[in-house]
Amino acid sequence: MECKNPGQIPDKQYFKIGEASEIVGVDTHVLRYWEAEFKIVKPLRAGSRQRLYRRLDLENLLKIRELLYDKGYTIAGARQALKEGDPVVNSGSGHEGGAKSSEFVGSLKQELYELKKLLED
């Protein structure tokens, strides 16, 4: 499966690790490591023990990637940011504080820009 825009999740229910790796934009060994480090990523296992990632897993993996690669968080820092109630991971959580608000607005802007690009295509 080829994903034209990394980060865009195709309309499927389950994704194998190779597909998830391509969508998130990291190697498969990185996904396995993040699975061990971040308890919010819990892929199902097929009878063959193959990992099957759900849409929520991919959304969480994309957020982890953003925190680690784009915002420069450490593993511990990203884990703490996710625990504090980031709206993408834990929808419905409040957002207090100037730094968090500006991060939220920035990510919202990015999502709207990507949506605009999709609609223009």
N, C-alpha and C. Protein backbone atom coordinates (compact mmCIF):
# COMPACT_ATOMS: atom_id res chain seq x y z
N MET A 1 0.85 -1.18 0.00
CA MET A 1 0.00 0.00 0.00
C MET A 1 0.89 1.23 0.00
N GLU A 2 0.60 2.17 -0.88
CA GLU A 2 1.38 3.39 -0.94
C GLU A 2 0.55 4.55 -0.43
N CYS A 3 1.11 5.30 0.48
CA CYS A 3 0.43 6.45 1.06
C CYS A 3 1.06 7.69 0.46
N LYS A 4 0.27 8.45 -0.34
CA LYS A 4 0.80 9.63 -1.02
C LYS A 4 1.24 10.71 -0.05
N ASN A 5 0.47 10.94 1.00
CA ASN A 5 0.79 11.95 2.00
C ASN A 5 1.08 11.27 3.34
N PRO A 6 2.35 11.23 3.77
CA PRO A 6 2.63 10.63 5.07
C PRO A 6 1.78 11.31 6.14
N GLY A 7 1.23 10.52 7.03
CA GLY A 7 0.38 11.08 8.07
C GLY A 7 -1.09 11.00 7.74
N GLN A 8 -1.41 10.78 6.46
CA GLN A 8 -2.80 10.62 6.06
C GLN A 8 -3.18 9.15 6.23
N ILE A 9 -4.21 8.90 7.00
CA ILE A 9 -4.60 7.52 7.29
C ILE A 9 -5.66 7.08 6.31
N PRO A 10 -5.38 6.04 5.51
CA PRO A 10 -6.38 5.53 4.57
C PRO A 10 -7.63 5.02 5.29
N ASP A 11 -8.70 4.91 4.56
CA ASP A 11 -9.97 4.48 5.13
C ASP A 11 -10.02 2.96 5.23
N LYS A 12 -9.34 2.44 6.25
CA LYS A 12 -9.32 1.01 6.54
C LYS A 12 -9.48 0.84 8.04
N GLN A 13 -9.85 -0.36 8.45
CA GLN A 13 -10.02 -0.60 9.88
C GLN A 13 -8.72 -1.07 10.54
N TYR A 14 -7.96 -1.93 9.87
CA TYR A 14 -6.73 -2.47 10.45
C TYR A 14 -5.57 -2.31 9.47
N PHE A 15 -4.37 -2.14 10.05
CA PHE A 15 -3.17 -1.94 9.25
C PHE A 15 -2.06 -2.84 9.78
N LYS A 16 -1.36 -3.52 8.87
CA LYS A 16 -0.20 -4.33 9.26
C LYS A 16 0.94 -3.38 9.61
N ILE A 17 1.97 -3.91 10.26
CA ILE A 17 3.05 -3.06 10.74
C ILE A 17 3.77 -2.33 9.60
N GLY A 18 3.91 -2.97 8.45
CA GLY A 18 4.54 -2.31 7.32
C GLY A 18 3.73 -1.12 6.83
N GLU A 19 2.42 -1.29 6.78
CA GLU A 19 1.53 -0.20 6.38
C GLU A 19 1.58 0.93 7.40
N ALA A 20 1.53 0.58 8.68
CA ALA A 20 1.59 1.58 9.74
C ALA A 20 2.92 2.34 9.68
N SER A 21 3.99 1.62 9.43
CA SER A 21 5.31 2.22 9.32
C SER A 21 5.35 3.26 8.20
N GLU A 22 4.76 2.92 7.08
CA GLU A 22 4.73 3.83 5.93
C GLU A 22 3.89 5.07 6.23
N ILE A 23 2.76 4.88 6.88
CA ILE A 23 1.86 6.00 7.19
C ILE A 23 2.51 6.95 8.20
N VAL A 24 3.11 6.39 9.24
CA VAL A 24 3.71 7.20 10.29
C VAL A 24 5.04 7.80 9.83
N GLY A 25 5.72 7.12 8.93
CA GLY A 25 6.97 7.63 8.40
C GLY A 25 8.19 7.25 9.21
N VAL A 26 8.12 6.09 9.87
CA VAL A 26 9.26 5.58 10.64
C VAL A 26 9.42 4.09 10.33
N ASP A 27 10.58 3.54 10.66
CA ASP A 27 10.82 2.12 10.44
C ASP A 27 9.98 1.26 11.39
N THR A 28 9.81 -0.01 11.02
CA THR A 28 8.99 -0.91 11.83
C THR A 28 9.58 -1.12 13.23
N HIS A 29 10.92 -1.14 13.33
CA HIS A 29 11.52 -1.34 14.65
C HIS A 29 11.21 -0.16 15.58
N VAL A 30 11.03 1.03 15.01
CA VAL A 30 10.67 2.20 15.81
C VAL A 30 9.25 2.04 16.35
N LEU A 31 8.34 1.53 15.52
CA LEU A 31 6.97 1.29 15.99
C LEU A 31 6.95 0.29 17.13
N ARG A 32 7.75 -0.77 17.00
CA ARG A 32 7.80 -1.77 18.07
C ARG A 32 8.36 -1.16 19.36
N TYR A 33 9.37 -0.31 19.23
CA TYR A 33 9.94 0.36 20.39
C TYR A 33 8.91 1.28 21.04
N TRP A 34 8.23 2.10 20.23
CA TRP A 34 7.22 3.01 20.77
C TRP A 34 6.08 2.24 21.44
N GLU A 35 5.76 1.09 20.90
CA GLU A 35 4.73 0.24 21.51
C GLU A 35 5.12 -0.14 22.94
N ALA A 36 6.40 -0.39 23.14
CA ALA A 36 6.88 -0.75 24.48
C ALA A 36 6.95 0.48 25.40
N GLU A 37 7.24 1.64 24.85
CA GLU A 37 7.42 2.85 25.65
C GLU A 37 6.13 3.60 25.94
N PHE A 38 5.16 3.52 25.03
CA PHE A 38 3.91 4.28 25.17
C PHE A 38 2.75 3.30 25.25
N LYS A 39 2.14 3.22 26.41
CA LYS A 39 1.08 2.25 26.63
C LYS A 39 -0.20 2.57 25.87
N ILE A 40 -0.31 3.76 25.26
CA ILE A 40 -1.51 4.10 24.49
C ILE A 40 -1.52 3.41 23.13
N VAL A 41 -0.38 2.85 22.73
CA VAL A 41 -0.31 2.12 21.46
C VAL A 41 -0.44 0.64 21.78
N LYS A 42 -1.59 0.07 21.41
CA LYS A 42 -1.87 -1.32 21.73
C LYS A 42 -2.42 -2.04 20.51
N PRO A 43 -1.55 -2.43 19.58
CA PRO A 43 -2.06 -3.14 18.41
C PRO A 43 -2.63 -4.50 18.79
N LEU A 44 -3.61 -4.92 18.03
CA LEU A 44 -4.17 -6.25 18.22
C LEU A 44 -3.20 -7.25 17.63
N ARG A 45 -3.39 -8.51 17.96
CA ARG A 45 -2.55 -9.57 17.39
C ARG A 45 -3.44 -10.53 16.62
N ALA A 46 -3.06 -10.82 15.40
CA ALA A 46 -3.76 -11.81 14.59
C ALA A 46 -3.36 -13.20 15.10
N GLY A 47 -4.02 -14.21 14.63
CA GLY A 47 -3.69 -15.57 15.03
C GLY A 47 -2.24 -15.92 14.75
N SER A 48 -1.67 -15.28 13.75
CA SER A 48 -0.27 -15.52 13.38
C SER A 48 0.68 -14.65 14.21
N ARG A 49 0.14 -13.95 15.23
CA ARG A 49 0.89 -13.06 16.11
C ARG A 49 1.34 -11.78 15.41
N GLN A 50 0.83 -11.53 14.22
CA GLN A 50 1.16 -10.31 13.50
C GLN A 50 0.40 -9.13 14.10
N ARG A 51 1.09 -8.00 14.25
CA ARG A 51 0.46 -6.81 14.80
C ARG A 51 -0.55 -6.23 13.82
N LEU A 52 -1.71 -5.84 14.35
CA LEU A 52 -2.73 -5.15 13.55
C LEU A 52 -3.06 -3.84 14.26
N TYR A 53 -2.64 -2.74 13.63
CA TYR A 53 -2.85 -1.43 14.21
C TYR A 53 -4.22 -0.89 13.78
N ARG A 54 -4.94 -0.30 14.73
CA ARG A 54 -6.23 0.34 14.44
C ARG A 54 -5.99 1.81 14.14
N ARG A 55 -7.02 2.47 13.65
CA ARG A 55 -6.93 3.90 13.33
C ARG A 55 -6.47 4.71 14.56
N LEU A 56 -7.03 4.42 15.74
CA LEU A 56 -6.64 5.13 16.96
C LEU A 56 -5.15 4.93 17.25
N ASP A 57 -4.64 3.72 17.03
CA ASP A 57 -3.21 3.48 17.22
C ASP A 57 -2.39 4.37 16.30
N LEU A 58 -2.81 4.46 15.03
CA LEU A 58 -2.07 5.28 14.08
C LEU A 58 -2.15 6.76 14.44
N GLU A 59 -3.31 7.23 14.90
CA GLU A 59 -3.42 8.62 15.34
C GLU A 59 -2.47 8.90 16.50
N ASN A 60 -2.42 7.96 17.44
CA ASN A 60 -1.51 8.11 18.58
C ASN A 60 -0.05 8.05 18.14
N LEU A 61 0.28 7.16 17.21
CA LEU A 61 1.65 7.07 16.70
C LEU A 61 2.05 8.35 15.97
N LEU A 62 1.13 8.92 15.22
CA LEU A 62 1.43 10.18 14.53
C LEU A 62 1.66 11.30 15.53
N LYS A 63 0.91 11.31 16.61
CA LYS A 63 1.11 12.33 17.65
C LYS A 63 2.45 12.12 18.34
N ILE A 64 2.80 10.87 18.62
CA ILE A 64 4.10 10.57 19.23
C ILE A 64 5.22 11.03 18.30
N ARG A 65 5.08 10.73 17.03
CA ARG A 65 6.09 11.16 16.05
C ARG A 65 6.23 12.68 16.05
N GLU A 66 5.11 13.38 16.08
CA GLU A 66 5.14 14.84 16.11
C GLU A 66 5.86 15.36 17.35
N LEU A 67 5.54 14.79 18.50
CA LEU A 67 6.18 15.23 19.74
C LEU A 67 7.68 14.97 19.72
N LEU A 68 8.08 13.80 19.25
CA LEU A 68 9.50 13.43 19.27
C LEU A 68 10.30 14.09 18.17
N TYR A 69 9.80 14.06 16.95
CA TYR A 69 10.58 14.52 15.81
C TYR A 69 10.40 16.00 15.51
N ASP A 70 9.16 16.49 15.58
CA ASP A 70 8.90 17.88 15.20
C ASP A 70 9.10 18.85 16.37
N LYS A 71 8.69 18.43 17.57
CA LYS A 71 8.76 19.33 18.71
C LYS A 71 9.96 19.08 19.61
N GLY A 72 10.72 18.02 19.34
CA GLY A 72 11.96 17.77 20.05
C GLY A 72 11.83 17.23 21.46
N TYR A 73 10.70 16.62 21.78
CA TYR A 73 10.52 16.04 23.10
C TYR A 73 11.40 14.80 23.26
N THR A 74 11.77 14.50 24.50
CA THR A 74 12.40 13.22 24.81
C THR A 74 11.27 12.19 24.94
N ILE A 75 11.64 10.92 25.04
CA ILE A 75 10.62 9.87 25.25
C ILE A 75 9.83 10.18 26.52
N ALA A 76 10.55 10.48 27.61
CA ALA A 76 9.88 10.78 28.89
C ALA A 76 9.01 12.02 28.77
N GLY A 77 9.49 13.04 28.08
CA GLY A 77 8.71 14.26 27.91
C GLY A 77 7.47 14.04 27.08
N ALA A 78 7.58 13.24 26.02
CA ALA A 78 6.42 12.93 25.18
C ALA A 78 5.42 12.10 25.98
N ARG A 79 5.91 11.16 26.77
CA ARG A 79 5.03 10.35 27.60
C ARG A 79 4.25 11.24 28.57
N GLN A 80 4.93 12.21 29.17
CA GLN A 80 4.30 13.14 30.11
C GLN A 80 3.28 14.03 29.39
N ALA A 81 3.63 14.53 28.20
CA ALA A 81 2.71 15.38 27.45
C ALA A 81 1.44 14.62 27.10
N LEU A 82 1.59 13.36 26.73
CA LEU A 82 0.42 12.55 26.40
C LEU A 82 -0.41 12.27 27.65
N LYS A 83 0.25 12.06 28.78
CA LYS A 83 -0.45 11.77 30.03
C LYS A 83 -1.23 12.99 30.51
N GLU A 84 -0.73 14.19 30.22
CA GLU A 84 -1.37 15.42 30.68
C GLU A 84 -2.64 15.75 29.91
N GLY A 85 -2.95 14.96 28.90
CA GLY A 85 -4.23 15.15 28.23
C GLY A 85 -4.17 15.89 26.93
N ASP A 86 -3.29 15.53 26.05
CA ASP A 86 -3.25 16.14 24.74
C ASP A 86 -4.55 15.85 24.01
N PRO A 87 -5.18 16.84 23.38
CA PRO A 87 -6.51 16.65 22.79
C PRO A 87 -6.57 15.62 21.67
N VAL A 88 -5.48 15.39 20.95
CA VAL A 88 -5.53 14.41 19.87
C VAL A 88 -5.61 13.00 20.43
N VAL A 89 -4.92 12.76 21.52
CA VAL A 89 -4.88 11.43 22.11
C VAL A 89 -6.06 11.19 23.03
N ASN A 90 -6.33 12.12 23.91
CA ASN A 90 -7.41 11.99 24.87
C ASN A 90 -8.45 13.06 24.58
N SER A 91 -9.29 12.83 23.61
CA SER A 91 -10.25 13.86 23.24
C SER A 91 -11.15 14.18 24.42
N GLY A 92 -11.44 15.46 24.57
CA GLY A 92 -12.28 15.92 25.66
C GLY A 92 -11.48 16.47 26.82
N SER A 93 -10.17 16.34 26.81
CA SER A 93 -9.36 16.86 27.90
C SER A 93 -9.18 18.36 27.73
N GLY A 94 -9.10 19.06 28.84
CA GLY A 94 -8.92 20.50 28.80
C GLY A 94 -7.53 20.88 28.38
N HIS A 95 -7.38 22.15 28.03
CA HIS A 95 -6.08 22.66 27.61
C HIS A 95 -5.83 23.97 28.33
N GLU A 96 -5.02 23.96 29.36
CA GLU A 96 -4.70 25.17 30.10
C GLU A 96 -3.25 25.52 29.86
N GLY A 97 -2.94 26.80 30.00
CA GLY A 97 -1.55 27.24 29.90
C GLY A 97 -1.23 27.76 28.52
N GLY A 98 -0.41 28.80 28.46
CA GLY A 98 -0.07 29.45 27.21
C GLY A 98 0.71 28.57 26.26
N ALA A 99 1.70 27.83 26.77
CA ALA A 99 2.53 26.99 25.90
C ALA A 99 1.69 25.89 25.25
N LYS A 100 0.85 25.26 26.05
CA LYS A 100 0.01 24.19 25.51
C LYS A 100 -0.98 24.75 24.51
N SER A 101 -1.55 25.91 24.79
CA SER A 101 -2.52 26.52 23.88
C SER A 101 -1.88 26.85 22.54
N SER A 102 -0.67 27.39 22.56
CA SER A 102 -0.01 27.73 21.31
C SER A 102 0.34 26.47 20.52
N GLU A 103 0.73 25.40 21.22
CA GLU A 103 1.00 24.13 20.53
C GLU A 103 -0.28 23.60 19.90
N PHE A 104 -1.38 23.70 20.63
CA PHE A 104 -2.66 23.22 20.12
C PHE A 104 -3.07 24.02 18.89
N VAL A 105 -2.95 25.33 18.95
CA VAL A 105 -3.31 26.19 17.81
C VAL A 105 -2.41 25.87 16.62
N GLY A 106 -1.13 25.65 16.88
CA GLY A 106 -0.21 25.31 15.79
C GLY A 106 -0.58 23.99 15.13
N SER A 107 -0.91 22.99 15.93
CA SER A 107 -1.28 21.70 15.34
C SER A 107 -2.62 21.80 14.63
N LEU A 108 -3.53 22.59 15.17
CA LEU A 108 -4.82 22.80 14.51
C LEU A 108 -4.64 23.50 13.17
N LYS A 109 -3.78 24.50 13.13
CA LYS A 109 -3.47 25.20 11.87
C LYS A 109 -2.94 24.22 10.83
N GLN A 110 -2.00 23.37 11.27
CA GLN A 110 -1.41 22.39 10.36
C GLN A 110 -2.46 21.44 9.82
N GLU A 111 -3.35 20.96 10.69
CA GLU A 111 -4.41 20.06 10.25
C GLU A 111 -5.34 20.74 9.25
N LEU A 112 -5.68 22.00 9.52
CA LEU A 112 -6.55 22.74 8.60
C LEU A 112 -5.87 22.98 7.25
N TYR A 113 -4.57 23.27 7.29
CA TYR A 113 -3.81 23.45 6.05
C TYR A 113 -3.81 22.16 5.23
N GLU A 114 -3.58 21.02 5.89
CA GLU A 114 -3.58 19.74 5.18
C GLU A 114 -4.96 19.42 4.62
N LEU A 115 -6.00 19.74 5.37
CA LEU A 115 -7.36 19.53 4.90
C LEU A 115 -7.65 20.39 3.67
N LYS A 116 -7.19 21.64 3.71
CA LYS A 116 -7.36 22.54 2.57
C LYS A 116 -6.67 21.98 1.33
N LYS A 117 -5.45 21.47 1.50
CA LYS A 117 -4.72 20.88 0.38
C LYS A 117 -5.48 19.69 -0.19
N LEU A 118 -6.06 18.86 0.66
CA LEU A 118 -6.83 17.70 0.21
C LEU A 118 -8.05 18.15 -0.59
N LEU A 119 -8.71 19.18 -0.12
CA LEU A 119 -9.92 19.65 -0.79
C LEU A 119 -9.60 20.30 -2.13
N GLU A 120 -8.44 20.92 -2.25
CA GLU A 120 -8.04 21.57 -3.49
C GLU A 120 -7.64 20.57 -4.57
N ASP A 121 -7.20 19.38 -4.16
CA ASP A 121 -6.76 18.36 -5.12
C ASP A 121 -7.88 17.75 -5.86
